């Protein structure tokens, strides 16, 4: 089976939570843990990282866990433009967090970037999400079989929009081509800074297809402006839309997202951020967010999250080398 090794399974919840909202308290009644929190998004508005950050803000504020949030979006190169800014400007700040995920792992390797997730402080893995392969609503590709035939015939003639080079979207396309007996380096992958620009390219018919997390394209799929052809997970997440494996492409991959603290913060500051994430994770409102967005619960903190990051980096490096995307 061709797969991205580190992204197939979502680990079970980490042991005991590091603190939760007191039993019996309703939304808005929890004790505030932060008067204010700075949330850094290394991508443009409208994408999956931005969506996670805004959802976390909404739940935390409504529960009274955080008084206010300040957001900053700096997109580009799969987080490699924003990451150095977060490192240099937030160093040592206990009230700052950054959203990141598997896309950043691949982007750092592909771009041979001087910084990576190892240079910030792991706090919590929050979600995992299947990718969805879509085409514009008026596309001649009526189903995944039509797109597969075009990719098998001439991959370079099928521009496919997605996130950064080397990220999950790029990996999914590369694995699809490999499964079809084609070279992953023949992929005509068009990288964008986030889900918003990729949507615009699709809706403007600048590309033939797109790959991204389902939540980033879900509204356009519901309105019929985009057509979902297949998803990349183990099971169907959209009624009537097959998985790649069901469609004869033996590929399974998911995209995880999480939260990171600034570099150089003290151990007690990190634990405080972990307690906040644990408290948000336990709230019914967060479970509702997961269901509404179609995100899987991938909660992981502490040493378990650190170990996962090491394994994911090594596995992603191996897959990118297999696909010829990293030398």
Protein backbone atom coordinates (compact mmCIF):
# COMPACT_ATOMS: atom_id res chain seq x y z
CA UNK A 1 0.00 0.00 0.00
CA UNK A 2 1.30 3.42 -0.95
CA UNK A 3 0.79 5.86 1.88
CA UNK A 4 2.27 8.68 3.88
CA UNK A 5 3.57 6.57 6.72
CA UNK A 6 3.28 9.01 9.61
CA UNK A 7 -0.15 10.37 8.82
CA UNK A 8 -2.26 7.25 8.58
CA UNK A 9 -3.25 6.77 12.18
CA UNK A 10 -4.43 9.31 14.70
CA UNK A 11 -2.99 8.36 18.07
CA UNK A 12 -5.33 7.81 20.98
CA UNK A 13 -5.92 10.65 23.36
CA UNK A 14 -2.95 11.32 25.61
CA UNK A 15 -3.34 10.09 29.20
CA UNK A 16 -4.78 12.41 31.75
CA UNK A 17 -5.60 15.92 30.65
CA UNK A 18 -3.45 18.61 32.15
CA UNK A 19 -6.49 20.42 33.56
CA UNK A 20 -10.06 20.93 32.48
CA UNK A 21 -12.93 23.27 33.10
CA UNK A 22 -14.41 22.56 36.51
CA UNK A 23 -17.30 20.13 36.45
CA UNK A 24 -20.71 21.70 36.38
CA UNK A 25 -19.57 25.03 34.95
CA UNK A 26 -21.41 26.19 31.90
CA UNK A 27 -20.02 27.99 28.88
CA UNK A 28 -18.74 31.39 29.86
CA UNK A 29 -18.42 30.39 33.53
CA UNK A 30 -14.87 28.99 33.47
CA UNK A 31 -12.08 30.80 35.22
CA UNK A 32 -9.99 32.83 32.77
CA UNK A 33 -6.56 31.32 32.21
CA UNK A 34 -5.26 34.18 30.01
CA UNK A 35 -6.41 37.78 29.93
CA UNK A 36 -5.15 37.98 26.36
CA UNK A 37 -3.53 35.56 23.91
CA UNK A 38 -1.60 36.26 20.71
CA UNK A 39 -2.46 33.76 17.96
CA UNK A 40 -0.06 33.62 15.00
CA UNK A 41 -1.24 32.02 11.74
CA UNK A 42 1.61 31.33 9.26
CA UNK A 43 -0.87 31.36 6.36
CA UNK A 44 -3.42 33.67 4.82
CA UNK A 45 -7.02 33.98 6.01
CA UNK A 46 -9.51 31.34 4.95
CA UNK A 47 -7.34 28.23 5.11
CA UNK A 48 -7.18 25.29 7.48
CA UNK A 49 -4.67 26.83 9.92
CA UNK A 50 -6.70 30.02 10.10
CA UNK A 51 -9.84 27.96 10.59
CA UNK A 52 -8.31 26.09 13.53
CA UNK A 53 -7.09 29.31 15.15
CA UNK A 54 -10.44 31.05 14.80
CA UNK A 55 -12.36 28.01 16.06
CA UNK A 56 -10.06 27.76 19.09
CA UNK A 57 -10.60 31.47 19.77
CA UNK A 58 -14.37 31.17 19.55
CA UNK A 59 -14.59 28.23 21.96
CA UNK A 60 -12.02 29.58 24.45
CA UNK A 61 -13.57 33.05 24.62
CA UNK A 62 -17.15 31.81 24.93
CA UNK A 63 -16.05 29.51 27.77
CA UNK A 64 -14.34 32.41 29.53
CA UNK A 65 -10.92 30.73 29.35
CA UNK A 66 -9.31 33.65 27.47
CA UNK A 67 -10.38 37.26 27.62
CA UNK A 68 -9.29 38.35 24.15
CA UNK A 69 -7.24 37.24 21.16
CA UNK A 70 -4.96 39.14 18.80
CA UNK A 71 -4.42 37.46 15.43
CA UNK A 72 -1.64 37.90 12.89
CA UNK A 73 -1.63 36.14 9.51
CA UNK A 74 1.64 35.87 7.57
CA UNK A 75 1.33 33.44 4.65
CA UNK A 76 3.75 31.94 2.19
CA UNK A 77 5.78 28.79 1.43
CA UNK A 78 3.80 26.47 3.67
CA UNK A 79 4.49 28.51 6.78
CA UNK A 80 8.16 29.08 6.03
CA UNK A 81 7.62 32.83 5.60
CA UNK A 82 5.75 33.27 8.86
CA UNK A 83 7.72 30.83 11.02
CA UNK A 84 10.91 32.96 11.24
CA UNK A 85 8.77 35.97 12.16
CA UNK A 86 7.07 34.06 14.97
CA UNK A 87 10.44 32.80 16.23
CA UNK A 88 12.11 36.20 16.25
CA UNK A 89 9.21 38.37 17.44
CA UNK A 90 7.54 36.06 19.97
CA UNK A 91 10.62 34.46 21.55
CA UNK A 92 10.10 33.94 25.27
CA UNK A 93 6.51 35.21 25.26
CA UNK A 94 4.26 32.97 27.40
CA UNK A 95 1.07 34.45 25.90
CA UNK A 96 1.71 33.52 22.26
CA UNK A 97 0.77 30.47 20.18
CA UNK A 98 1.19 29.52 16.54
CA UNK A 99 -0.94 27.16 14.47
CA UNK A 100 1.04 24.63 12.43
CA UNK A 101 0.86 21.11 11.13
CA UNK A 102 1.94 18.46 8.68
CA UNK A 103 2.10 20.93 5.79
CA UNK A 104 4.87 22.80 7.60
CA UNK A 105 6.87 19.58 8.07
CA UNK A 106 6.93 18.91 4.33
CA UNK A 107 7.48 22.55 3.42
CA UNK A 108 10.54 22.83 5.67
CA UNK A 109 12.08 19.73 4.09
CA UNK A 110 11.23 20.67 0.50
CA UNK A 111 12.47 24.26 0.86
CA UNK A 112 15.55 23.23 2.90
CA UNK A 113 14.42 25.95 5.31
CA UNK A 114 16.72 27.16 8.10
CA UNK A 115 13.81 26.87 10.58
CA UNK A 116 11.31 24.09 11.29
CA UNK A 117 8.83 23.02 13.96
CA UNK A 118 11.75 21.83 16.10
CA UNK A 119 12.54 25.52 16.68
CA UNK A 120 9.24 26.26 18.46
CA UNK A 121 7.58 24.72 21.54
CA UNK A 122 5.10 21.86 20.99
CA UNK A 123 1.85 22.39 22.88
CA UNK A 124 -0.95 20.23 21.46
CA UNK A 125 -1.94 18.34 18.35
CA UNK A 126 -5.63 19.18 17.94
CA UNK A 127 -7.12 17.80 14.71
CA UNK A 128 -6.62 15.58 11.70
CA UNK A 129 -8.46 15.89 8.42
CA UNK A 130 -8.77 13.96 5.18
CA UNK A 131 -7.90 15.70 1.94
CA UNK A 132 -10.55 16.07 -0.75
CA UNK A 133 -9.90 16.06 -4.49
CA UNK A 134 -12.17 18.56 -6.23
CA UNK A 135 -12.83 20.11 -9.64
CA UNK A 136 -14.81 23.21 -10.62
CA UNK A 137 -18.54 22.64 -10.84
CA UNK A 138 -18.56 22.85 -14.65
CA UNK A 139 -15.52 20.57 -15.07
CA UNK A 140 -15.69 17.82 -17.71
CA UNK A 141 -14.40 15.41 -15.04
CA UNK A 142 -17.67 14.05 -13.70
CA UNK A 143 -16.05 11.58 -11.30
CA UNK A 144 -12.65 10.52 -10.01
CA UNK A 145 -12.29 8.02 -12.88
CA UNK A 146 -12.19 10.88 -15.38
CA UNK A 147 -9.48 12.72 -13.49
CA UNK A 148 -7.48 9.52 -13.02
CA UNK A 149 -7.58 8.85 -16.76
CA UNK A 150 -6.29 12.36 -17.49
CA UNK A 151 -3.49 12.06 -14.94
CA UNK A 152 -2.48 8.66 -16.27
CA UNK A 153 -2.40 9.98 -19.83
CA UNK A 154 -0.46 13.24 -19.25
CA UNK A 155 -0.01 14.57 -15.70
CA UNK A 156 1.60 17.78 -16.91
CA UNK A 157 -1.58 18.69 -18.79
CA UNK A 158 -3.59 18.66 -15.53
CA UNK A 159 -2.66 21.59 -13.26
CA UNK A 160 -3.75 20.82 -9.70
CA UNK A 161 -4.05 23.54 -7.04
CA UNK A 162 -3.05 22.96 -3.44
CA UNK A 163 -1.06 24.31 -0.55
CA UNK A 164 2.69 24.62 -0.35
CA UNK A 165 5.17 22.50 -2.30
CA UNK A 166 5.97 19.40 -0.28
CA UNK A 167 2.86 19.71 1.88
CA UNK A 168 0.11 17.16 2.33
CA UNK A 169 -1.74 18.20 -0.84
CA UNK A 170 1.41 17.82 -2.93
CA UNK A 171 2.18 14.47 -1.31
CA UNK A 172 -1.32 13.16 -2.05
CA UNK A 173 -0.96 14.09 -5.72
CA UNK A 174 2.51 12.52 -5.88
CA UNK A 175 1.26 9.30 -4.30
CA UNK A 176 -1.67 9.21 -6.73
CA UNK A 177 0.70 9.46 -9.68
CA UNK A 178 3.01 6.82 -8.23
CA UNK A 179 0.01 4.51 -7.81
CA UNK A 180 -0.81 5.10 -11.50
CA UNK A 181 2.73 4.15 -12.54
CA UNK A 182 3.75 7.73 -13.28
CA UNK A 183 6.63 9.75 -11.86
CA UNK A 184 5.62 12.08 -9.02
CA UNK A 185 7.95 14.71 -10.45
CA UNK A 186 5.66 14.91 -13.50
CA UNK A 187 2.92 16.41 -11.34
CA UNK A 188 1.73 19.86 -12.43
CA UNK A 189 1.20 21.02 -8.86
CA UNK A 190 0.33 24.70 -8.45
CA UNK A 191 1.18 25.81 -4.91
CA UNK A 192 -0.79 28.55 -3.16
CA UNK A 193 -0.31 30.32 0.17
CA UNK A 194 -3.57 28.98 1.58
CA UNK A 195 -7.01 27.58 0.95
CA UNK A 196 -8.45 30.97 -0.03
CA UNK A 197 -6.13 31.59 -3.03
CA UNK A 198 -6.46 27.94 -4.11
CA UNK A 199 -10.26 28.31 -4.08
CA UNK A 200 -10.02 31.43 -6.23
CA UNK A 201 -7.86 29.63 -8.79
CA UNK A 202 -10.31 26.74 -8.96
CA UNK A 203 -13.39 28.92 -9.25
CA UNK A 204 -11.61 31.03 -11.88
CA UNK A 205 -10.81 27.89 -13.90
CA UNK A 206 -7.09 28.64 -13.71
CA UNK A 207 -6.47 25.00 -12.75
CA UNK A 208 -8.18 21.73 -13.59
CA UNK A 209 -8.44 20.30 -10.07
CA UNK A 210 -7.54 20.97 -6.45
CA UNK A 211 -6.53 19.12 -3.31
CA UNK A 212 -6.98 20.42 0.23
CA UNK A 213 -8.51 19.60 3.59
CA UNK A 214 -12.23 18.99 3.24
CA UNK A 215 -13.20 21.89 5.52
CA UNK A 216 -11.44 24.38 3.23
CA UNK A 217 -13.63 23.46 0.24
CA UNK A 218 -16.77 22.26 2.01
CA UNK A 219 -18.90 25.38 1.47
CA UNK A 220 -18.09 25.49 -2.25
CA UNK A 221 -18.88 21.79 -2.53
CA UNK A 222 -22.25 22.28 -0.80
CA UNK A 223 -23.21 25.09 -3.20
CA UNK A 224 -22.18 23.10 -6.27
CA UNK A 225 -19.44 25.51 -7.31
CA UNK A 226 -16.98 22.67 -6.77
CA UNK A 227 -17.46 18.93 -7.25
CA UNK A 228 -15.86 16.54 -4.78
CA UNK A 229 -14.43 13.50 -6.58
CA UNK A 230 -12.72 11.55 -3.78
CA UNK A 231 -11.26 11.83 -0.30
CA UNK A 232 -7.93 10.56 1.00
CA UNK A 233 -8.86 8.89 4.29
CA UNK A 234 -9.61 5.36 5.43
CA UNK A 235 -13.37 5.89 5.31
CA UNK A 236 -15.90 8.06 3.52
CA UNK A 237 -16.45 11.46 5.10
CA UNK A 238 -18.84 12.82 2.45
CA UNK A 239 -21.97 10.96 1.42
CA UNK A 240 -21.68 9.76 -2.16
CA UNK A 241 -17.96 10.61 -2.45
CA UNK A 242 -15.62 7.58 -2.55
CA UNK A 243 -12.19 7.32 -1.00
CA UNK A 244 -9.16 7.08 -3.26
CA UNK A 245 -8.70 3.47 -2.19
CA UNK A 246 -12.27 2.65 -3.18
CA UNK A 247 -11.51 4.24 -6.54
CA UNK A 248 -8.53 1.98 -7.26
CA UNK A 249 -5.84 4.37 -6.02
CA UNK A 250 -4.20 2.71 -3.01
CA UNK A 251 -3.41 5.93 -1.15
CA UNK A 252 -4.41 6.93 2.39
CA UNK A 253 -3.21 10.20 3.94
CA UNK A 254 -4.44 12.72 6.50
CA UNK A 255 -3.41 16.22 7.50
CA UNK A 256 -2.85 17.02 11.20
CA UNK A 257 -2.91 20.49 12.76
CA UNK A 258 -1.80 21.70 16.16
CA UNK A 259 -0.67 24.56 18.37
CA UNK A 260 2.86 25.61 19.29
CA UNK A 261 4.27 28.01 21.85
CA UNK A 262 7.06 30.51 21.29
CA UNK A 263 10.67 29.35 21.54
CA UNK A 264 12.44 29.93 24.83
CA UNK A 265 9.40 29.87 27.11
CA UNK A 266 9.75 28.34 30.58
CA UNK A 267 8.41 24.87 31.39
CA UNK A 268 5.61 26.30 33.56
CA UNK A 269 4.52 28.59 30.70
CA UNK A 270 4.32 25.61 28.36
CA UNK A 271 2.27 23.66 30.91
CA UNK A 272 -0.12 26.58 31.21
CA UNK A 273 -0.68 26.54 27.43
CA UNK A 274 -1.19 22.78 27.54
CA UNK A 275 -3.78 23.20 30.30
CA UNK A 276 -5.61 25.73 28.15
CA UNK A 277 -5.66 23.42 25.13
CA UNK A 278 -6.77 20.52 27.33
CA UNK A 279 -9.59 22.60 28.79
CA UNK A 280 -10.79 23.66 25.32
CA UNK A 281 -10.57 20.07 24.10
CA UNK A 282 -12.86 18.86 26.90
CA UNK A 283 -15.63 21.35 26.17
CA UNK A 284 -18.82 20.21 24.39
CA UNK A 285 -18.46 23.26 22.14
CA UNK A 286 -15.13 21.92 20.84
CA UNK A 287 -16.66 18.53 20.11
CA UNK A 288 -19.35 20.36 18.16
CA UNK A 289 -16.66 22.19 16.17
CA UNK A 290 -15.03 18.87 15.26
CA UNK A 291 -18.32 17.48 14.03
CA UNK A 292 -19.31 20.61 12.12
CA UNK A 293 -15.93 21.00 10.42
CA UNK A 294 -15.45 17.32 9.69
CA UNK A 295 -12.22 17.24 11.71
CA UNK A 296 -11.04 14.12 13.51
CA UNK A 297 -10.09 14.45 17.16
CA UNK A 298 -6.28 14.04 17.19
CA UNK A 299 -5.56 15.47 20.62
CA UNK A 300 -2.05 14.82 21.88
CA UNK A 301 0.23 16.73 24.27
CA UNK A 302 3.47 16.44 26.19
CA UNK A 303 6.10 13.81 25.42
CA UNK A 304 3.66 11.87 23.24
CA UNK A 305 3.27 14.89 20.94
CA UNK A 306 7.04 15.45 20.87
CA UNK A 307 7.58 11.81 19.91
CA UNK A 308 4.94 12.05 17.19
CA UNK A 309 6.66 15.12 15.74
CA UNK A 310 10.00 13.31 15.51
CA UNK A 311 8.39 10.32 13.83
CA UNK A 312 6.36 12.47 11.43
CA UNK A 313 9.42 14.44 10.36
CA UNK A 314 11.39 11.26 9.64
CA UNK A 315 8.50 9.60 7.81
CA UNK A 316 7.71 12.70 5.75
CA UNK A 317 11.35 12.99 4.74
CA UNK A 318 11.27 9.37 3.61
CA UNK A 319 8.10 9.81 1.54
CA UNK A 320 9.36 13.01 -0.10
CA UNK A 321 12.59 11.24 -1.04
CA UNK A 322 10.64 8.28 -2.40
CA UNK A 323 8.65 10.69 -4.56
CA UNK A 324 11.74 12.59 -5.71
CA UNK A 325 10.53 15.81 -4.12
CA UNK A 326 13.54 16.00 -1.77
CA UNK A 327 17.08 14.99 -2.71
